[in-house]
Amino acid sequence: MHFEGCWVTFPPPKTGIQQRAWLPPVALKAIAAGMPFQTTAKLVGYEFSKMSTDLTFYALRHRTETIGGKAKDQVAMDHIMGHVSPGMSSVYSEEIDDSR
């Protein structure tokens, strides 16, 4: 996991596909306070489990994809979610601009 300002880059253990996302400062503060945890995903999941029994880390991912899809920039959404699109465009695309 690598932090650069409010940006976090993280290759999840499940896929190893690099993910990059902007986090609000309050989220970074909470993560910094919980860094003894091995991964951000475990920390986020743990914090959500304290708030609600029906809100899991994967429920958060489902909501992120659903709401993010309304922005009509599926390439950026796939990048945030760590999804690889089939086809050559994912091979040739080297980066996603942070403004997206």
Protein backbone atom coordinates (compact mmCIF):
# COMPACT_ATOMS: atom_id res chain seq x y z
CA MET A 1 0.00 0.00 0.00
CA HIS A 2 1.38 3.39 -1.00
CA PHE A 3 0.03 6.81 0.01
CA GLU A 4 0.67 9.97 -1.99
CA GLY A 5 -1.34 12.84 -0.55
CA CYS A 6 -4.98 11.71 -0.55
CA TRP A 7 -4.28 9.00 -3.15
CA VAL A 8 -3.78 5.40 -2.14
CA THR A 9 -2.36 2.72 -4.43
CA PHE A 10 -2.96 -0.84 -3.35
CA PRO A 11 -2.55 -4.23 -5.05
CA PRO A 12 -5.13 -6.45 -3.32
CA PRO A 13 -3.96 -9.96 -2.47
CA LYS A 14 -6.89 -11.59 -4.29
CA THR A 15 -6.09 -10.28 -7.79
CA GLY A 16 -2.82 -8.39 -7.47
CA ILE A 17 -4.21 -5.83 -9.93
CA GLN A 18 -3.06 -2.37 -8.90
CA GLN A 19 -5.90 -0.17 -7.62
CA ARG A 20 -5.69 3.58 -7.08
CA ALA A 21 -8.30 5.76 -5.45
CA TRP A 22 -8.68 9.17 -3.82
CA LEU A 23 -9.61 9.10 -0.15
CA PRO A 24 -10.92 12.05 1.85
CA PRO A 25 -8.56 13.30 4.59
CA VAL A 26 -10.85 11.95 7.35
CA ALA A 27 -10.51 8.44 5.87
CA LEU A 28 -6.72 8.76 5.74
CA LYS A 29 -6.71 9.80 9.39
CA ALA A 30 -8.77 6.72 10.34
CA ILE A 31 -6.48 4.44 8.33
CA ALA A 32 -3.38 5.96 9.93
CA ALA A 33 -4.87 5.31 13.37
CA GLY A 34 -5.47 1.65 12.44
CA MET A 35 -2.26 0.82 10.59
CA PRO A 36 -1.49 -2.23 12.79
CA PHE A 37 -4.01 -4.02 10.58
CA GLN A 38 -2.43 -5.83 7.64
CA THR A 39 -4.50 -4.26 4.87
CA THR A 40 -6.79 -1.35 4.30
CA ALA A 41 -9.53 -3.78 3.23
CA LYS A 42 -9.40 -5.54 6.59
CA LEU A 43 -9.47 -2.20 8.42
CA VAL A 44 -12.42 -0.92 6.40
CA GLY A 45 -14.27 -4.20 6.83
CA TYR A 46 -13.63 -4.18 10.57
CA GLU A 47 -14.86 -0.60 10.98
CA PHE A 48 -18.02 -1.28 8.95
CA SER A 49 -18.74 -4.43 10.96
CA LYS A 50 -18.77 -2.32 14.11
CA MET A 51 -21.41 -0.02 12.58
CA SER A 52 -23.70 -2.55 10.97
CA THR A 53 -24.00 -6.31 10.62
CA ASP A 54 -25.35 -6.15 7.06
CA LEU A 55 -22.71 -3.80 5.62
CA THR A 56 -19.65 -5.75 4.53
CA PHE A 57 -16.57 -4.75 2.57
CA TYR A 58 -18.05 -6.43 -0.51
CA ALA A 59 -21.35 -4.61 -0.02
CA LEU A 60 -19.32 -1.40 -0.07
CA ARG A 61 -17.69 -2.49 -3.35
CA HIS A 62 -21.12 -3.24 -4.85
CA ARG A 63 -22.36 0.22 -3.85
CA THR A 64 -19.20 1.89 -5.15
CA GLU A 65 -19.61 0.23 -8.56
CA THR A 66 -23.34 1.03 -8.68
CA ILE A 67 -23.01 4.69 -7.71
CA GLY A 68 -19.75 5.20 -9.60
CA GLY A 69 -21.34 3.84 -12.76
CA LYS A 70 -23.61 6.89 -12.81
CA ALA A 71 -20.55 9.03 -13.57
CA LYS A 72 -20.50 7.43 -17.04
CA ASP A 73 -16.74 6.80 -17.00
CA GLN A 74 -16.55 3.02 -16.84
CA VAL A 75 -12.83 3.02 -17.64
CA ALA A 76 -12.10 5.08 -14.51
CA MET A 77 -14.56 3.00 -12.46
CA ASP A 78 -12.89 -0.24 -13.58
CA HIS A 79 -9.54 1.25 -12.56
CA ILE A 80 -10.82 2.15 -9.08
CA MET A 81 -12.36 -1.28 -8.63
CA GLY A 82 -9.28 -3.10 -9.94
CA HIS A 83 -11.16 -4.68 -12.83
CA VAL A 84 -9.45 -5.51 -16.10
CA SER A 85 -11.55 -4.98 -19.20
CA PRO A 86 -11.22 -7.56 -21.94
CA GLY A 87 -9.70 -6.37 -25.18
CA MET A 88 -6.65 -4.50 -26.33
CA SER A 89 -7.54 -1.13 -24.78
CA SER A 90 -6.56 -2.41 -21.33
CA VAL A 91 -3.22 -3.57 -22.76
CA TYR A 92 -2.39 -0.20 -24.34
CA SER A 93 -3.80 2.11 -21.66
CA GLU A 94 -0.93 3.09 -19.37
CA GLU A 95 -2.68 5.36 -16.88
CA ILE A 96 -5.93 6.99 -15.87
CA ASP A 97 -5.72 10.72 -15.19
CA ASP A 98 -6.44 11.58 -11.54
CA SER A 99 -9.07 14.12 -12.59
CA ARG A 100 -11.25 11.23 -13.79
